């Protein structure tokens, strides 16, 4: 709770949880990025279910809908450095969290090592 209070004092609402720089979840929500990957494809990316990520009804619904809409979906490891690179290269389209209580929550920006960057 102390960390949550600290980030709220800085004007942020949630914590993007990392394990050795690998993106996992945002707050208590599953985390997604929609970007143009390095191959030039639009891609929706979320962490694979490896035991640290909880499977969620909303997570599954977003994945299934995206696939039905013809969006490439990848469940895999990705890192904060991948996100920062995509933001700086203007390949990031959006980021959001999903959860039963929060439904779909857009993420406006991230603060990484003191640098605030927009996710769109």
N, C-alpha and C. Protein backbone atom coordinates (compact mmCIF):
# COMPACT_ATOMS: atom_id res chain seq x y z
N UNK A 1 0.82 -1.20 0.00
CA UNK A 1 0.00 0.00 0.00
C UNK A 1 0.86 1.26 0.00
N UNK A 2 2.01 1.20 0.60
CA UNK A 2 2.89 2.37 0.65
C UNK A 2 3.32 2.79 -0.75
N UNK A 3 3.64 1.80 -1.59
CA UNK A 3 4.04 2.10 -2.96
C UNK A 3 2.87 2.73 -3.73
N UNK A 4 1.68 2.23 -3.53
CA UNK A 4 0.49 2.78 -4.19
C UNK A 4 0.29 4.24 -3.79
N UNK A 5 0.46 4.56 -2.53
CA UNK A 5 0.33 5.94 -2.06
C UNK A 5 1.40 6.83 -2.70
N UNK A 6 2.60 6.29 -2.83
CA UNK A 6 3.71 7.05 -3.41
C UNK A 6 3.44 7.40 -4.87
N UNK A 7 2.96 6.41 -5.64
CA UNK A 7 2.71 6.70 -7.06
C UNK A 7 1.52 7.63 -7.23
N UNK A 8 0.53 7.52 -6.35
CA UNK A 8 -0.61 8.43 -6.43
C UNK A 8 -0.19 9.86 -6.10
N UNK A 9 0.75 10.03 -5.19
CA UNK A 9 1.26 11.36 -4.86
C UNK A 9 1.98 11.98 -6.06
N UNK A 10 2.48 11.13 -6.97
CA UNK A 10 3.15 11.62 -8.18
C UNK A 10 2.15 11.87 -9.32
N UNK A 11 0.86 11.60 -9.06
CA UNK A 11 -0.17 11.86 -10.07
C UNK A 11 -0.54 10.66 -10.92
N UNK A 12 -0.07 9.47 -10.54
CA UNK A 12 -0.39 8.26 -11.28
C UNK A 12 -1.41 7.45 -10.51
N UNK A 13 -2.17 6.61 -11.23
CA UNK A 13 -3.22 5.83 -10.58
C UNK A 13 -2.84 4.37 -10.34
N UNK A 14 -1.99 3.81 -11.17
CA UNK A 14 -1.68 2.38 -11.08
C UNK A 14 -0.19 2.14 -11.21
N UNK A 15 0.21 0.93 -10.85
CA UNK A 15 1.59 0.49 -10.97
C UNK A 15 1.66 -0.55 -12.09
N UNK A 16 2.61 -0.36 -13.00
CA UNK A 16 2.88 -1.36 -14.02
C UNK A 16 3.90 -2.32 -13.42
N UNK A 17 3.48 -3.54 -13.14
CA UNK A 17 4.34 -4.51 -12.48
C UNK A 17 5.30 -5.14 -13.47
N UNK A 18 6.58 -5.17 -13.10
CA UNK A 18 7.63 -5.75 -13.93
C UNK A 18 8.33 -6.85 -13.14
N UNK A 19 8.76 -7.89 -13.84
CA UNK A 19 9.62 -8.92 -13.26
C UNK A 19 10.86 -8.95 -14.14
N UNK A 20 11.98 -8.47 -13.60
CA UNK A 20 13.22 -8.37 -14.38
C UNK A 20 12.98 -7.66 -15.71
N UNK A 21 12.26 -6.53 -15.64
CA UNK A 21 11.95 -5.68 -16.80
C UNK A 21 10.87 -6.26 -17.70
N UNK A 22 10.41 -7.49 -17.42
CA UNK A 22 9.32 -8.10 -18.20
C UNK A 22 8.00 -7.54 -17.70
N UNK A 23 7.17 -7.05 -18.61
CA UNK A 23 5.88 -6.49 -18.26
C UNK A 23 4.95 -7.62 -17.84
N UNK A 24 4.22 -7.40 -16.73
CA UNK A 24 3.28 -8.43 -16.28
C UNK A 24 1.86 -7.86 -16.26
N UNK A 25 1.51 -7.13 -15.22
CA UNK A 25 0.16 -6.59 -15.07
C UNK A 25 0.22 -5.12 -14.68
N UNK A 26 -0.93 -4.47 -14.76
CA UNK A 26 -1.04 -3.08 -14.32
C UNK A 26 -2.04 -3.07 -13.15
N UNK A 27 -1.54 -2.69 -11.98
CA UNK A 27 -2.39 -2.76 -10.79
C UNK A 27 -2.83 -4.20 -10.60
N UNK A 28 -4.14 -4.41 -10.59
CA UNK A 28 -4.68 -5.77 -10.48
C UNK A 28 -5.34 -6.19 -11.80
N UNK A 29 -4.93 -5.55 -12.89
CA UNK A 29 -5.54 -5.82 -14.19
C UNK A 29 -4.55 -6.48 -15.14
N UNK A 30 -5.08 -7.26 -16.08
CA UNK A 30 -4.27 -7.75 -17.18
C UNK A 30 -3.90 -6.56 -18.05
N UNK A 31 -2.72 -6.60 -18.64
CA UNK A 31 -2.18 -5.46 -19.38
C UNK A 31 -2.01 -5.82 -20.85
N UNK A 32 -2.39 -4.89 -21.72
CA UNK A 32 -2.27 -5.06 -23.16
C UNK A 32 -1.60 -3.84 -23.77
N UNK A 33 -0.85 -4.06 -24.84
CA UNK A 33 -0.40 -2.96 -25.69
C UNK A 33 -0.85 -3.29 -27.11
N UNK A 34 -1.24 -2.25 -27.82
CA UNK A 34 -1.57 -2.36 -29.23
C UNK A 34 -0.59 -1.45 -29.94
N UNK A 35 0.25 -2.05 -30.77
CA UNK A 35 1.31 -1.30 -31.40
C UNK A 35 1.58 -1.82 -32.80
N UNK A 36 2.43 -1.11 -33.47
CA UNK A 36 2.97 -1.61 -34.72
C UNK A 36 4.30 -2.26 -34.35
N UNK A 37 4.41 -3.57 -34.60
CA UNK A 37 5.63 -4.26 -34.21
C UNK A 37 6.77 -3.91 -35.17
N UNK A 38 7.94 -4.45 -34.92
CA UNK A 38 9.12 -4.12 -35.72
C UNK A 38 9.01 -4.62 -37.16
N UNK A 39 8.09 -5.54 -37.41
CA UNK A 39 7.87 -6.04 -38.76
C UNK A 39 6.83 -5.19 -39.50
N UNK A 40 6.31 -4.15 -38.84
CA UNK A 40 5.34 -3.26 -39.47
C UNK A 40 3.90 -3.72 -39.36
N UNK A 41 3.65 -4.77 -38.55
CA UNK A 41 2.29 -5.28 -38.38
C UNK A 41 1.65 -4.66 -37.14
N UNK A 42 0.36 -4.39 -37.21
CA UNK A 42 -0.37 -3.99 -36.01
C UNK A 42 -0.59 -5.26 -35.20
N UNK A 43 -0.33 -5.15 -33.89
CA UNK A 43 -0.33 -6.34 -33.04
C UNK A 43 -0.82 -5.97 -31.64
N UNK A 44 -1.68 -6.81 -31.09
CA UNK A 44 -2.12 -6.69 -29.71
C UNK A 44 -1.30 -7.69 -28.89
N UNK A 45 -0.59 -7.20 -27.89
CA UNK A 45 0.31 -8.06 -27.12
C UNK A 45 -0.09 -8.04 -25.65
N UNK A 46 -0.07 -9.22 -25.04
CA UNK A 46 -0.27 -9.36 -23.61
C UNK A 46 0.60 -10.52 -23.13
N UNK A 47 0.88 -10.55 -21.86
CA UNK A 47 1.72 -11.62 -21.30
C UNK A 47 1.03 -12.97 -21.43
N UNK A 48 1.82 -13.98 -21.65
CA UNK A 48 1.27 -15.33 -21.65
C UNK A 48 0.99 -15.75 -20.21
N UNK A 49 0.12 -16.71 -20.05
CA UNK A 49 -0.23 -17.20 -18.72
C UNK A 49 0.85 -18.15 -18.24
N UNK A 50 1.74 -17.62 -17.40
CA UNK A 50 2.90 -18.39 -16.93
C UNK A 50 2.84 -18.70 -15.44
N UNK A 51 1.70 -18.47 -14.83
CA UNK A 51 1.57 -18.70 -13.40
C UNK A 51 1.65 -17.42 -12.59
N UNK A 52 2.25 -16.37 -13.15
CA UNK A 52 2.27 -15.09 -12.45
C UNK A 52 1.13 -14.19 -12.90
N UNK A 53 0.54 -14.50 -14.05
CA UNK A 53 -0.55 -13.72 -14.62
C UNK A 53 -1.84 -14.50 -14.41
N UNK A 54 -2.84 -13.81 -13.87
CA UNK A 54 -4.12 -14.46 -13.66
C UNK A 54 -4.94 -14.46 -14.95
N UNK A 55 -5.53 -15.60 -15.28
CA UNK A 55 -6.42 -15.62 -16.44
C UNK A 55 -7.69 -14.85 -16.07
N UNK A 56 -8.15 -14.02 -16.94
CA UNK A 56 -9.34 -13.23 -16.63
C UNK A 56 -10.37 -13.36 -17.73
N UNK A 57 -11.63 -13.24 -17.34
CA UNK A 57 -12.73 -13.29 -18.30
C UNK A 57 -12.59 -12.15 -19.30
N UNK A 58 -12.30 -10.95 -18.80
CA UNK A 58 -12.13 -9.80 -19.70
C UNK A 58 -10.91 -9.98 -20.60
N UNK A 59 -9.83 -10.52 -20.05
CA UNK A 59 -8.62 -10.78 -20.84
C UNK A 59 -8.97 -11.69 -22.01
N UNK A 60 -9.63 -12.78 -21.69
CA UNK A 60 -10.01 -13.75 -22.73
C UNK A 60 -10.96 -13.12 -23.74
N UNK A 61 -11.90 -12.32 -23.26
CA UNK A 61 -12.87 -11.67 -24.16
C UNK A 61 -12.16 -10.72 -25.12
N UNK A 62 -11.23 -9.92 -24.62
CA UNK A 62 -10.48 -8.99 -25.48
C UNK A 62 -9.69 -9.77 -26.53
N UNK A 63 -9.03 -10.83 -26.12
CA UNK A 63 -8.25 -11.64 -27.06
C UNK A 63 -9.14 -12.23 -28.14
N UNK A 64 -10.27 -12.80 -27.73
CA UNK A 64 -11.18 -13.42 -28.70
C UNK A 64 -11.77 -12.40 -29.66
N UNK A 65 -12.19 -11.24 -29.14
CA UNK A 65 -12.75 -10.19 -30.01
C UNK A 65 -11.70 -9.69 -30.99
N UNK A 66 -10.49 -9.44 -30.50
CA UNK A 66 -9.43 -8.95 -31.39
C UNK A 66 -9.19 -9.94 -32.52
N UNK A 67 -9.14 -11.23 -32.20
CA UNK A 67 -8.94 -12.24 -33.24
C UNK A 67 -10.09 -12.25 -34.24
N UNK A 68 -11.32 -12.13 -33.75
CA UNK A 68 -12.49 -12.08 -34.64
C UNK A 68 -12.44 -10.87 -35.56
N UNK A 69 -11.85 -9.77 -35.08
CA UNK A 69 -11.74 -8.54 -35.87
C UNK A 69 -10.53 -8.56 -36.78
N UNK A 70 -9.79 -9.66 -36.79
CA UNK A 70 -8.64 -9.79 -37.68
C UNK A 70 -7.37 -9.15 -37.17
N UNK A 71 -7.31 -8.85 -35.87
CA UNK A 71 -6.12 -8.26 -35.27
C UNK A 71 -5.16 -9.36 -34.86
N UNK A 72 -3.90 -9.21 -35.19
CA UNK A 72 -2.89 -10.17 -34.75
C UNK A 72 -2.76 -10.06 -33.23
N UNK A 73 -2.87 -11.19 -32.54
CA UNK A 73 -2.77 -11.23 -31.08
C UNK A 73 -1.59 -12.10 -30.69
N UNK A 74 -0.75 -11.59 -29.80
CA UNK A 74 0.40 -12.36 -29.30
C UNK A 74 0.35 -12.42 -27.79
N UNK A 75 0.41 -13.62 -27.26
CA UNK A 75 0.55 -13.83 -25.82
C UNK A 75 1.99 -14.28 -25.60
N UNK A 76 2.81 -13.37 -25.10
CA UNK A 76 4.24 -13.67 -24.99
C UNK A 76 4.89 -12.71 -24.01
N UNK A 77 6.14 -12.99 -23.70
CA UNK A 77 6.92 -12.06 -22.90
C UNK A 77 7.22 -10.82 -23.72
N UNK A 78 7.11 -9.66 -23.08
CA UNK A 78 7.61 -8.43 -23.66
C UNK A 78 8.10 -7.56 -22.51
N UNK A 79 8.95 -6.63 -22.82
CA UNK A 79 9.68 -5.91 -21.79
C UNK A 79 9.38 -4.42 -21.84
N UNK A 80 9.59 -3.76 -20.72
CA UNK A 80 9.37 -2.32 -20.64
C UNK A 80 10.22 -1.61 -21.68
N UNK A 81 11.40 -2.11 -21.95
CA UNK A 81 12.25 -1.48 -22.97
C UNK A 81 11.61 -1.59 -24.37
N UNK A 82 10.87 -2.68 -24.63
CA UNK A 82 10.13 -2.80 -25.89
C UNK A 82 9.07 -1.72 -25.98
N UNK A 83 8.38 -1.48 -24.87
CA UNK A 83 7.35 -0.44 -24.84
C UNK A 83 7.94 0.94 -25.05
N UNK A 84 9.02 1.23 -24.33
CA UNK A 84 9.64 2.55 -24.44
C UNK A 84 10.12 2.78 -25.87
N UNK A 85 10.73 1.77 -26.46
CA UNK A 85 11.19 1.88 -27.84
C UNK A 85 10.02 2.15 -28.79
N UNK A 86 8.91 1.43 -28.61
CA UNK A 86 7.73 1.63 -29.46
C UNK A 86 7.16 3.03 -29.28
N UNK A 87 7.15 3.52 -28.05
CA UNK A 87 6.66 4.88 -27.79
C UNK A 87 7.55 5.90 -28.50
N UNK A 88 8.84 5.78 -28.30
CA UNK A 88 9.78 6.75 -28.88
C UNK A 88 9.80 6.70 -30.40
N UNK A 89 9.55 5.51 -30.97
CA UNK A 89 9.52 5.36 -32.43
C UNK A 89 8.13 5.63 -33.01
N UNK A 90 7.20 6.06 -32.14
CA UNK A 90 5.82 6.38 -32.55
C UNK A 90 5.10 5.16 -33.13
N UNK A 91 5.42 3.97 -32.62
CA UNK A 91 4.75 2.74 -33.03
C UNK A 91 3.66 2.32 -32.05
N UNK A 92 3.65 2.92 -30.86
CA UNK A 92 2.65 2.59 -29.85
C UNK A 92 1.32 3.21 -30.27
N UNK A 93 0.29 2.41 -30.32
CA UNK A 93 -1.04 2.91 -30.67
C UNK A 93 -1.83 3.18 -29.39
N UNK A 94 -1.82 2.21 -28.48
CA UNK A 94 -2.46 2.41 -27.19
C UNK A 94 -2.07 1.29 -26.22
N UNK A 95 -2.35 1.54 -24.96
CA UNK A 95 -2.14 0.54 -23.91
C UNK A 95 -3.37 0.59 -23.01
N UNK A 96 -3.72 -0.57 -22.44
CA UNK A 96 -4.89 -0.60 -21.56
C UNK A 96 -4.82 -1.82 -20.64
N UNK A 97 -5.58 -1.72 -19.56
CA UNK A 97 -5.72 -2.82 -18.63
C UNK A 97 -7.14 -3.35 -18.70
N UNK A 98 -7.30 -4.63 -18.40
CA UNK A 98 -8.64 -5.22 -18.34
C UNK A 98 -8.81 -5.95 -17.03
N UNK A 99 -10.01 -5.88 -16.51
CA UNK A 99 -10.34 -6.59 -15.29
C UNK A 99 -11.83 -6.61 -15.10
N UNK A 100 -12.31 -7.58 -14.38
CA UNK A 100 -13.74 -7.72 -14.18
C UNK A 100 -14.35 -6.46 -13.58
N UNK A 101 -13.68 -5.86 -12.61
CA UNK A 101 -14.22 -4.66 -11.97
C UNK A 101 -13.97 -3.41 -12.82
N UNK A 102 -12.84 -3.35 -13.50
CA UNK A 102 -12.46 -2.14 -14.24
C UNK A 102 -12.92 -2.17 -15.69
N UNK A 103 -13.32 -3.30 -16.17
CA UNK A 103 -13.69 -3.54 -17.56
C UNK A 103 -12.48 -3.28 -18.45
N UNK A 104 -12.44 -2.17 -19.23
CA UNK A 104 -11.27 -1.82 -20.03
C UNK A 104 -10.86 -0.42 -19.62
N UNK A 105 -9.64 -0.28 -19.17
CA UNK A 105 -9.15 0.99 -18.63
C UNK A 105 -7.97 1.48 -19.48
N UNK A 106 -8.15 2.57 -20.24
CA UNK A 106 -7.04 3.07 -21.05
C UNK A 106 -5.89 3.58 -20.19
N UNK A 107 -4.69 3.45 -20.70
CA UNK A 107 -3.50 3.95 -20.01
C UNK A 107 -2.94 5.09 -20.83
N UNK A 108 -2.93 6.27 -20.21
CA UNK A 108 -2.51 7.48 -20.90
C UNK A 108 -0.99 7.57 -21.01
N UNK A 109 -0.29 7.28 -19.91
CA UNK A 109 1.16 7.46 -19.91
C UNK A 109 1.82 6.51 -18.93
N UNK A 110 3.13 6.35 -19.10
CA UNK A 110 3.95 5.59 -18.17
C UNK A 110 5.11 6.46 -17.72
N UNK A 111 5.54 6.23 -16.51
CA UNK A 111 6.71 6.90 -15.96
C UNK A 111 7.76 5.82 -15.76
N UNK A 112 8.83 5.89 -16.54
CA UNK A 112 9.88 4.90 -16.42
C UNK A 112 11.20 5.63 -16.19
N UNK A 113 11.79 5.36 -15.04
CA UNK A 113 13.05 5.98 -14.65
C UNK A 113 12.98 7.50 -14.69
N UNK A 114 11.81 8.01 -14.26
CA UNK A 114 11.63 9.46 -14.17
C UNK A 114 11.21 10.14 -15.45
N UNK A 115 11.07 9.39 -16.53
CA UNK A 115 10.62 9.98 -17.80
C UNK A 115 9.18 9.56 -18.05
N UNK A 116 8.30 10.54 -18.21
CA UNK A 116 6.89 10.29 -18.48
C UNK A 116 6.67 10.30 -19.98
N UNK A 117 6.06 9.21 -20.50
CA UNK A 117 5.84 9.07 -21.92
C UNK A 117 4.39 8.70 -22.19
N UNK A 118 3.77 9.31 -23.20
CA UNK A 118 2.40 8.99 -23.58
C UNK A 118 2.33 7.66 -24.31
N UNK A 119 1.27 6.91 -24.05
CA UNK A 119 1.10 5.59 -24.65
C UNK A 119 0.26 5.62 -25.92
N UNK A 120 0.08 6.77 -26.51
CA UNK A 120 -0.71 6.85 -27.74
C UNK A 120 -0.11 7.86 -28.67
